[in-house]
């Protein structure tokens, strides 16, 4: 019975894994960089950064690059899984 609806169940599980955490988390989604800056300001208020970035893109560019990196990684993993599954299917008589 589960073989017939396997793809539907997998898609439903992925959707639930993406949506359920959003229901339980309240507040803003901040990055680790912002939290680290706040903690450094608390621990040592006189701290001065010893390096500054040569290129400072706007915040939405950073988000876009992060999403692009995640998409490329997911695409690569999907390609490799499909490649191995295809090879395994071809070997069987």
PDB file of N, CA and C in Angstrom:
ATOM      1  N   UNK A   1       0.817  -1.191   0.000  1.00  0.00           N
ATOM      2  CA  UNK A   1       0.000   0.000   0.000  1.00  0.00           C
ATOM      3  C   UNK A   1       0.865   1.260   0.000  1.00  0.00           C
ATOM      4  N   UNK A   2       1.954   1.246   0.780  1.00  0.00           N
ATOM      5  CA  UNK A   2       2.789   2.440   0.869  1.00  0.00           C
ATOM      6  C   UNK A   2       3.577   2.685  -0.409  1.00  0.00           C
ATOM      7  N   UNK A   3       3.842   1.623  -1.187  1.00  0.00           N
ATOM      8  CA  UNK A   3       4.571   1.815  -2.435  1.00  0.00           C
ATOM      9  C   UNK A   3       3.798   2.704  -3.397  1.00  0.00           C
ATOM     10  N   UNK A   4       2.495   2.553  -3.387  1.00  0.00           N
ATOM     11  CA  UNK A   4       1.657   3.319  -4.306  1.00  0.00           C
ATOM     12  C   UNK A   4       1.694   4.810  -3.995  1.00  0.00           C
ATOM     13  N   UNK A   5       1.735   5.163  -2.732  1.00  0.00           N
ATOM     14  CA  UNK A   5       1.691   6.561  -2.309  1.00  0.00           C
ATOM     15  C   UNK A   5       3.033   7.050  -1.768  1.00  0.00           C
ATOM     16  N   UNK A   6       4.102   6.373  -2.099  1.00  0.00           N
ATOM     17  CA  UNK A   6       5.410   6.686  -1.530  1.00  0.00           C
ATOM     18  C   UNK A   6       5.851   8.118  -1.861  1.00  0.00           C
ATOM     19  N   UNK A   7       5.764   8.528  -3.110  1.00  0.00           N
ATOM     20  CA  UNK A   7       6.188   9.881  -3.482  1.00  0.00           C
ATOM     21  C   UNK A   7       5.342  10.938  -2.804  1.00  0.00           C
ATOM     22  N   UNK A   8       4.037  10.695  -2.707  1.00  0.00           N
ATOM     23  CA  UNK A   8       3.151  11.647  -2.041  1.00  0.00           C
ATOM     24  C   UNK A   8       3.500  11.773  -0.567  1.00  0.00           C
ATOM     25  N   UNK A   9       3.788  10.653   0.071  1.00  0.00           N
ATOM     26  CA  UNK A   9       4.162  10.688   1.490  1.00  0.00           C
ATOM     27  C   UNK A   9       5.494  11.410   1.691  1.00  0.00           C
ATOM     28  N   UNK A  10       6.431  11.214   0.785  1.00  0.00           N
ATOM     29  CA  UNK A  10       7.721  11.894   0.899  1.00  0.00           C
ATOM     30  C   UNK A  10       7.542  13.398   0.745  1.00  0.00           C
ATOM     31  N   UNK A  11       6.761  13.820  -0.233  1.00  0.00           N
ATOM     32  CA  UNK A  11       6.514  15.250  -0.444  1.00  0.00           C
ATOM     33  C   UNK A  11       5.807  15.850   0.763  1.00  0.00           C
ATOM     34  N   UNK A  12       4.835  15.147   1.318  1.00  0.00           N
ATOM     35  CA  UNK A  12       4.127  15.618   2.505  1.00  0.00           C
ATOM     36  C   UNK A  12       5.076  15.740   3.700  1.00  0.00           C
ATOM     37  N   UNK A  13       5.963  14.772   3.872  1.00  0.00           N
ATOM     38  CA  UNK A  13       6.932  14.823   4.969  1.00  0.00           C
ATOM     39  C   UNK A  13       7.872  16.012   4.821  1.00  0.00           C
ATOM     40  N   UNK A  14       8.321  16.294   3.610  1.00  0.00           N
ATOM     41  CA  UNK A  14       9.214  17.436   3.382  1.00  0.00           C
ATOM     42  C   UNK A  14       8.495  18.748   3.681  1.00  0.00           C
ATOM     43  N   UNK A  15       7.250  18.850   3.252  1.00  0.00           N
ATOM     44  CA  UNK A  15       6.478  20.067   3.524  1.00  0.00           C
ATOM     45  C   UNK A  15       6.287  20.249   5.027  1.00  0.00           C
ATOM     46  N   UNK A  16       5.958  19.174   5.721  1.00  0.00           N
ATOM     47  CA  UNK A  16       5.788  19.264   7.182  1.00  0.00           C
ATOM     48  C   UNK A  16       7.090  19.647   7.875  1.00  0.00           C
ATOM     49  N   UNK A  17       8.212  19.098   7.413  1.00  0.00           N
ATOM     50  CA  UNK A  17       9.497  19.446   8.017  1.00  0.00           C
ATOM     51  C   UNK A  17       9.859  20.911   7.778  1.00  0.00           C
ATOM     52  N   UNK A  18       9.376  21.483   6.706  1.00  0.00           N
ATOM     53  CA  UNK A  18       9.658  22.886   6.424  1.00  0.00           C
ATOM     54  C   UNK A  18       8.713  23.828   7.161  1.00  0.00           C
ATOM     55  N   UNK A  19       7.452  23.417   7.346  1.00  0.00           N
ATOM     56  CA  UNK A  19       6.443  24.318   7.908  1.00  0.00           C
ATOM     57  C   UNK A  19       6.332  24.204   9.428  1.00  0.00           C
ATOM     58  N   UNK A  20       6.419  23.014   9.984  1.00  0.00           N
ATOM     59  CA  UNK A  20       6.231  22.840  11.428  1.00  0.00           C
ATOM     60  C   UNK A  20       7.194  23.657  12.290  1.00  0.00           C
ATOM     61  N   UNK A  21       8.482  23.726  11.970  1.00  0.00           N
ATOM     62  CA  UNK A  21       9.355  24.554  12.816  1.00  0.00           C
ATOM     63  C   UNK A  21       8.939  26.020  12.856  1.00  0.00           C
ATOM     64  N   UNK A  22       8.360  26.517  11.771  1.00  0.00           N
ATOM     65  CA  UNK A  22       7.923  27.919  11.753  1.00  0.00           C
ATOM     66  C   UNK A  22       6.773  28.164  12.722  1.00  0.00           C
ATOM     67  N   UNK A  23       5.978  27.138  12.997  1.00  0.00           N
ATOM     68  CA  UNK A  23       4.862  27.289  13.923  1.00  0.00           C
ATOM     69  C   UNK A  23       5.335  27.365  15.374  1.00  0.00           C
ATOM     70  N   UNK A  24       6.498  26.781  15.668  1.00  0.00           N
ATOM     71  CA  UNK A  24       6.976  26.732  17.045  1.00  0.00           C
ATOM     72  C   UNK A  24       7.973  27.833  17.386  1.00  0.00           C
ATOM     73  N   UNK A  25       8.515  28.509  16.405  1.00  0.00           N
ATOM     74  CA  UNK A  25       9.539  29.523  16.644  1.00  0.00           C
ATOM     75  C   UNK A  25       8.891  30.897  16.625  1.00  0.00           C
ATOM     76  N   UNK A  26       9.123  31.654  17.661  1.00  0.00           N
ATOM     77  CA  UNK A  26       8.603  33.012  17.749  1.00  0.00           C
ATOM     78  C   UNK A  26       9.770  33.987  17.671  1.00  0.00           C
ATOM     79  N   UNK A  27       9.544  35.128  17.058  1.00  0.00           N
ATOM     80  CA  UNK A  27      10.581  36.150  16.997  1.00  0.00           C
ATOM     81  C   UNK A  27      11.266  36.187  15.648  1.00  0.00           C
ATOM     82  N   UNK A  28      12.347  36.947  15.599  1.00  0.00           N
ATOM     83  CA  UNK A  28      13.078  37.139  14.355  1.00  0.00           C
ATOM     84  C   UNK A  28      14.121  36.052  14.163  1.00  0.00           C
ATOM     85  N   UNK A  29      14.432  35.829  12.900  1.00  0.00           N
ATOM     86  CA  UNK A  29      15.500  34.898  12.568  1.00  0.00           C
ATOM     87  C   UNK A  29      16.768  35.704  12.369  1.00  0.00           C
ATOM     88  N   UNK A  30      17.620  35.695  13.349  1.00  0.00           N
ATOM     89  CA  UNK A  30      18.871  36.429  13.253  1.00  0.00           C
ATOM     90  C   UNK A  30      20.022  35.484  13.013  1.00  0.00           C
ATOM     91  N   UNK A  31      21.069  36.012  12.466  1.00  0.00           N
ATOM     92  CA  UNK A  31      22.236  35.185  12.191  1.00  0.00           C
ATOM     93  C   UNK A  31      23.182  35.123  13.375  1.00  0.00           C
ATOM     94  N   UNK A  32      24.144  34.252  13.277  1.00  0.00           N
ATOM     95  CA  UNK A  32      25.134  34.096  14.332  1.00  0.00           C
ATOM     96  C   UNK A  32      26.066  35.304  14.392  1.00  0.00           C
ATOM     97  N   UNK A  33      26.264  35.985  13.260  1.00  0.00           N
ATOM     98  CA  UNK A  33      27.145  37.154  13.256  1.00  0.00           C
ATOM     99  C   UNK A  33      26.612  38.259  14.161  1.00  0.00           C
ATOM    100  N   UNK A  34      25.315  38.517  14.070  1.00  0.00           N
ATOM    101  CA  UNK A  34      24.721  39.558  14.898  1.00  0.00           C
ATOM    102  C   UNK A  34      24.785  39.225  16.381  1.00  0.00           C
ATOM    103  N   UNK A  35      24.547  37.963  16.705  1.00  0.00           N
ATOM    104  CA  UNK A  35      24.626  37.551  18.114  1.00  0.00           C
ATOM    105  C   UNK A  35      26.056  37.642  18.626  1.00  0.00           C
ATOM    106  N   UNK A  36      27.021  37.298  17.792  1.00  0.00           N
ATOM    107  CA  UNK A  36      28.425  37.382  18.201  1.00  0.00           C
ATOM    108  C   UNK A  36      28.829  38.831  18.451  1.00  0.00           C
ATOM    109  N   UNK A  37      28.385  39.741  17.604  1.00  0.00           N
ATOM    110  CA  UNK A  37      28.700  41.164  17.806  1.00  0.00           C
ATOM    111  C   UNK A  37      28.119  41.665  19.121  1.00  0.00           C
ATOM    112  N   UNK A  38      26.889  41.267  19.426  1.00  0.00           N
ATOM    113  CA  UNK A  38      26.273  41.688  20.687  1.00  0.00           C
ATOM    114  C   UNK A  38      27.040  41.141  21.883  1.00  0.00           C
ATOM    115  N   UNK A  39      27.448  39.890  21.814  1.00  0.00           N
ATOM    116  CA  UNK A  39      28.176  39.282  22.922  1.00  0.00           C
ATOM    117  C   UNK A  39      29.546  39.925  23.108  1.00  0.00           C
ATOM    118  N   UNK A  40      30.218  40.241  22.008  1.00  0.00           N
ATOM    119  CA  UNK A  40      31.522  40.903  22.102  1.00  0.00           C
ATOM    120  C   UNK A  40      31.359  42.276  22.743  1.00  0.00           C
ATOM    121  N   UNK A  41      30.295  43.002  22.381  1.00  0.00           N
ATOM    122  CA  UNK A  41      30.053  44.319  22.968  1.00  0.00           C
ATOM    123  C   UNK A  41      29.804  44.219  24.464  1.00  0.00           C
ATOM    124  N   UNK A  42      29.195  43.124  24.907  1.00  0.00           N
ATOM    125  CA  UNK A  42      28.944  42.938  26.346  1.00  0.00           C
ATOM    126  C   UNK A  42      30.234  42.566  27.071  1.00  0.00           C
ATOM    127  N   UNK A  43      31.003  41.652  26.482  1.00  0.00           N
ATOM    128  CA  UNK A  43      32.221  41.157  27.132  1.00  0.00           C
ATOM    129  C   UNK A  43      33.308  42.219  27.160  1.00  0.00           C
ATOM    130  N   UNK A  44      33.525  42.907  26.029  1.00  0.00           N
ATOM    131  CA  UNK A  44      34.588  43.922  25.955  1.00  0.00           C
ATOM    132  C   UNK A  44      34.086  45.116  25.155  1.00  0.00           C
ATOM    133  N   UNK A  45      33.519  46.111  25.829  1.00  0.00           N
ATOM    134  CA  UNK A  45      32.959  47.272  25.121  1.00  0.00           C
ATOM    135  C   UNK A  45      34.006  48.083  24.350  1.00  0.00           C
ATOM    136  N   UNK A  46      35.280  47.953  24.685  1.00  0.00           N
ATOM    137  CA  UNK A  46      36.326  48.731  24.010  1.00  0.00           C
ATOM    138  C   UNK A  46      36.914  48.001  22.802  1.00  0.00           C
ATOM    139  N   UNK A  47      36.386  46.845  22.470  1.00  0.00           N
ATOM    140  CA  UNK A  47      36.926  46.049  21.354  1.00  0.00           C
ATOM    141  C   UNK A  47      36.746  46.793  20.028  1.00  0.00           C
ATOM    142  N   UNK A  48      37.818  46.782  19.223  1.00  0.00           N
ATOM    143  CA  UNK A  48      37.769  47.347  17.884  1.00  0.00           C
ATOM    144  C   UNK A  48      38.098  46.233  16.902  1.00  0.00           C
ATOM    145  N   UNK A  49      37.284  46.036  15.869  1.00  0.00           N
ATOM    146  CA  UNK A  49      37.583  45.000  14.883  1.00  0.00           C
ATOM    147  C   UNK A  49      38.930  45.269  14.217  1.00  0.00           C
ATOM    148  N   UNK A  50      39.696  44.222  13.999  1.00  0.00           N
ATOM    149  CA  UNK A  50      41.018  44.377  13.392  1.00  0.00           C
ATOM    150  C   UNK A  50      40.985  44.245  11.877  1.00  0.00           C
ATOM    151  N   UNK A  51      39.827  43.948  11.330  1.00  0.00           N
ATOM    152  CA  UNK A  51      39.697  43.800   9.883  1.00  0.00           C
ATOM    153  C   UNK A  51      38.306  44.252   9.469  1.00  0.00           C
ATOM    154  N   UNK A  52      38.236  44.921   8.338  1.00  0.00           N
ATOM    155  CA  UNK A  52      36.934  45.275   7.793  1.00  0.00           C
ATOM    156  C   UNK A  52      36.846  44.744   6.362  1.00  0.00           C
ATOM    157  N   UNK A  53      35.657  44.372   5.968  1.00  0.00           N
ATOM    158  CA  UNK A  53      35.435  43.774   4.660  1.00  0.00           C
ATOM    159  C   UNK A  53      35.717  44.780   3.545  1.00  0.00           C
ATOM    160  N   UNK A  54      36.317  44.300   2.468  1.00  0.00           N
ATOM    161  CA  UNK A  54      36.581  45.162   1.317  1.00  0.00           C
ATOM    162  C   UNK A  54      35.287  45.474   0.566  1.00  0.00           C
ATOM    163  N   UNK A  55      34.387  44.524   0.545  1.00  0.00           N
ATOM    164  CA  UNK A  55      33.111  44.677  -0.142  1.00  0.00           C
ATOM    165  C   UNK A  55      32.001  44.388   0.860  1.00  0.00           C
ATOM    166  N   UNK A  56      31.113  45.333   1.021  1.00  0.00           N
ATOM    167  CA  UNK A  56      30.012  45.159   1.967  1.00  0.00           C
ATOM    168  C   UNK A  56      28.684  45.191   1.213  1.00  0.00           C
ATOM    169  N   UNK A  57      28.206  44.023   0.771  1.00  0.00           N
ATOM    170  CA  UNK A  57      26.938  44.005   0.024  1.00  0.00           C
ATOM    171  C   UNK A  57      25.755  44.268   0.946  1.00  0.00           C
ATOM    172  N   UNK A  58      24.645  44.746   0.381  1.00  0.00           N
ATOM    173  CA  UNK A  58      23.453  44.951   1.207  1.00  0.00           C
ATOM    174  C   UNK A  58      22.935  43.625   1.763  1.00  0.00           C
ATOM    175  N   UNK A  59      22.104  43.690   2.789  1.00  0.00           N
ATOM    176  CA  UNK A  59      21.612  42.496   3.472  1.00  0.00           C
ATOM    177  C   UNK A  59      20.879  41.526   2.567  1.00  0.00           C
ATOM    178  N   UNK A  60      20.083  42.029   1.622  1.00  0.00           N
ATOM    179  CA  UNK A  60      19.347  41.125   0.744  1.00  0.00           C
ATOM    180  C   UNK A  60      20.278  40.378  -0.206  1.00  0.00           C
ATOM    181  N   UNK A  61      21.439  40.955  -0.510  1.00  0.00           N
ATOM    182  CA  UNK A  61      22.411  40.255  -1.353  1.00  0.00           C
ATOM    183  C   UNK A  61      23.003  39.084  -0.587  1.00  0.00           C
ATOM    184  N   UNK A  62      23.280  39.282   0.686  1.00  0.00           N
ATOM    185  CA  UNK A  62      23.793  38.194   1.510  1.00  0.00           C
ATOM    186  C   UNK A  62      22.789  37.054   1.573  1.00  0.00           C
ATOM    187  N   UNK A  63      21.520  37.388   1.752  1.00  0.00           N
ATOM    188  CA  UNK A  63      20.477  36.363   1.794  1.00  0.00           C
ATOM    189  C   UNK A  63      20.384  35.626   0.465  1.00  0.00           C
ATOM    190  N   UNK A  64      20.491  36.368  -0.634  1.00  0.00           N
ATOM    191  CA  UNK A  64      20.421  35.749  -1.954  1.00  0.00           C
ATOM    192  C   UNK A  64      21.602  34.803  -2.173  1.00  0.00           C
ATOM    193  N   UNK A  65      22.796  35.213  -1.770  1.00  0.00           N
ATOM    194  CA  UNK A  65      23.963  34.345  -1.932  1.00  0.00           C
ATOM    195  C   UNK A  65      23.843  33.090  -1.070  1.00  0.00           C
ATOM    196  N   UNK A  66      23.299  33.235   0.131  1.00  0.00           N
ATOM    197  CA  UNK A  66      23.101  32.076   0.996  1.00  0.00           C
ATOM    198  C   UNK A  66      22.088  31.118   0.378  1.00  0.00           C
ATOM    199  N   UNK A  67      20.991  31.658  -0.157  1.00  0.00           N
ATOM    200  CA  UNK A  67      19.978  30.819  -0.797  1.00  0.00           C
ATOM    201  C   UNK A  67      20.546  30.147  -2.047  1.00  0.00           C
ATOM    202  N   UNK A  68      21.366  30.859  -2.803  1.00  0.00           N
ATOM    203  CA  UNK A  68      21.995  30.284  -3.999  1.00  0.00           C
ATOM    204  C   UNK A  68      22.929  29.145  -3.614  1.00  0.00           C
ATOM    205  N   UNK A  69      23.700  29.336  -2.559  1.00  0.00           N
ATOM    206  CA  UNK A  69      24.597  28.281  -2.078  1.00  0.00           C
ATOM    207  C   UNK A  69      23.802  27.054  -1.644  1.00  0.00           C
ATOM    208  N   UNK A  70      22.706  27.254  -0.936  1.00  0.00           N
ATOM    209  CA  UNK A  70      21.871  26.128  -0.505  1.00  0.00           C
ATOM    210  C   UNK A  70      21.253  25.417  -1.702  1.00  0.00           C
ATOM    211  N   UNK A  71      20.794  26.181  -2.696  1.00  0.00           N
ATOM    212  CA  UNK A  71      20.186  25.577  -3.876  1.00  0.00           C
ATOM    213  C   UNK A  71      21.205  24.772  -4.678  1.00  0.00           C
ATOM    214  N   UNK A  72      22.408  25.299  -4.834  1.00  0.00           N
ATOM    215  CA  UNK A  72      23.450  24.563  -5.558  1.00  0.00           C
ATOM    216  C   UNK A  72      23.823  23.274  -4.820  1.00  0.00           C
ATOM    217  N   UNK A  73      23.916  23.346  -3.508  1.00  0.00           N
ATOM    218  CA  UNK A  73      24.226  22.146  -2.726  1.00  0.00           C
ATOM    219  C   UNK A  73      23.124  21.104  -2.842  1.00  0.00           C
ATOM    220  N   UNK A  74      21.878  21.535  -2.757  1.00  0.00           N
ATOM    221  CA  UNK A  74      20.761  20.601  -2.889  1.00  0.00           C
ATOM    222  C   UNK A  74      20.706  20.010  -4.293  1.00  0.00           C
ATOM    223  N   UNK A  75      20.985  20.827  -5.296  1.00  0.00           N
ATOM    224  CA  UNK A  75      21.008  20.323  -6.666  1.00  0.00           C
ATOM    225  C   UNK A  75      22.096  19.289  -6.874  1.00  0.00           C
ATOM    226  N   UNK A  76      23.263  19.539  -6.309  1.00  0.00           N
ATOM    227  CA  UNK A  76      24.372  18.583  -6.425  1.00  0.00           C
ATOM    228  C   UNK A  76      24.028  17.270  -5.733  1.00  0.00           C
ATOM    229  N   UNK A  77      23.485  17.356  -4.534  1.00  0.00           N
ATOM    230  CA  UNK A  77      23.115  16.141  -3.799  1.00  0.00           C
ATOM    231  C   UNK A  77      22.038  15.377  -4.556  1.00  0.00           C
ATOM    232  N   UNK A  78      21.040  16.076  -5.091  1.00  0.00           N
ATOM    233  CA  UNK A  78      19.998  15.424  -5.875  1.00  0.00           C
ATOM    234  C   UNK A  78      20.549  14.763  -7.125  1.00  0.00           C
ATOM    235  N   UNK A  79      21.496  15.418  -7.779  1.00  0.00           N
ATOM    236  CA  UNK A  79      22.119  14.846  -8.974  1.00  0.00           C
ATOM    237  C   UNK A  79      22.864  13.559  -8.634  1.00  0.00           C
ATOM    238  N   UNK A  80      23.632  13.582  -7.554  1.00  0.00           N
ATOM    239  CA  UNK A  80      24.407  12.398  -7.160  1.00  0.00           C
ATOM    240  C   UNK A  80      23.474  11.245  -6.784  1.00  0.00           C
ATOM    241  N   UNK A  81      22.419  11.535  -6.043  1.00  0.00           N
ATOM    242  CA  UNK A  81      21.463  10.484  -5.678  1.00  0.00           C
ATOM    243  C   UNK A  81      20.818   9.908  -6.933  1.00  0.00           C
ATOM    244  N   UNK A  82      20.404  10.766  -7.868  1.00  0.00           N
ATOM    245  CA  UNK A  82      19.818  10.295  -9.115  1.00  0.00           C
ATOM    246  C   UNK A  82      20.799   9.487  -9.943  1.00  0.00           C
ATOM    247  N   UNK A  83      22.056   9.909  -9.959  1.00  0.00           N
ATOM    248  CA  UNK A  83      23.083   9.190 -10.705  1.00  0.00           C
ATOM    249  C   UNK A  83      23.270   7.780 -10.153  1.00  0.00           C
ATOM    250  N   UNK A  84      23.400   7.675  -8.843  1.00  0.00           N
ATOM    251  CA  UNK A  84      23.592   6.354  -8.231  1.00  0.00           C
ATOM    252  C   UNK A  84      22.346   5.477  -8.384  1.00  0.00           C
ATOM    253  N   UNK A  85      21.187   6.079  -8.272  1.00  0.00           N
ATOM    254  CA  UNK A  85      19.948   5.301  -8.425  1.00  0.00           C
ATOM    255  C   UNK A  85      19.809   4.813  -9.872  1.00  0.00           C
ATOM    256  N   UNK A  86      20.181   5.650 -10.823  1.00  0.00           N
ATOM    257  CA  UNK A  86      20.146   5.246 -12.218  1.00  0.00           C
ATOM    258  C   UNK A  86      21.120   4.116 -12.517  1.00  0.00           C
ATOM    259  N   UNK A  87      22.315   4.208 -11.955  1.00  0.00           N
ATOM    260  CA  UNK A  87      23.313   3.157 -12.152  1.00  0.00           C
ATOM    261  C   UNK A  87      22.833   1.844 -11.551  1.00  0.00           C
ATOM    262  N   UNK A  88      22.214   1.916 -10.365  1.00  0.00           N
ATOM    263  CA  UNK A  88      21.722   0.705  -9.720  1.00  0.00           C
ATOM    264  C   UNK A  88      20.585   0.075 -10.517  1.00  0.00           C
ATOM    265  N   UNK A  89      19.753   0.895 -11.124  1.00  0.00           N
ATOM    266  CA  UNK A  89      18.641   0.388 -11.917  1.00  0.00           C
ATOM    267  C   UNK A  89      19.126  -0.263 -13.212  1.00  0.00           C
ATOM    268  N   UNK A  90      20.146   0.319 -13.823  1.00  0.00           N
ATOM    269  CA  UNK A  90      20.684  -0.218 -15.067  1.00  0.00           C
ATOM    270  C   UNK A  90      21.373  -1.566 -14.891  1.00  0.00           C
ATOM    271  N   UNK A  91      21.972  -1.797 -13.745  1.00  0.00           N
ATOM    272  CA  UNK A  91      22.715  -3.053 -13.495  1.00  0.00           C
ATOM    273  C   UNK A  91      21.787  -4.244 -13.324  1.00  0.00           C
ATOM    274  N   UNK A  92      20.562  -4.001 -12.885  1.00  0.00           N
ATOM    275  CA  UNK A  92      19.637  -5.098 -12.669  1.00  0.00           C
ATOM    276  C   UNK A  92      19.103  -5.616 -14.005  1.00  0.00           C
ATOM    277  N   UNK A  93      19.006  -6.973 -14.190  1.00  0.00           N
ATOM    278  CA  UNK A  93      18.514  -7.522 -15.460  1.00  0.00           C
ATOM    279  C   UNK A  93      17.033  -7.342 -15.658  1.00  0.00           C
TER     280      UNK A  93
END
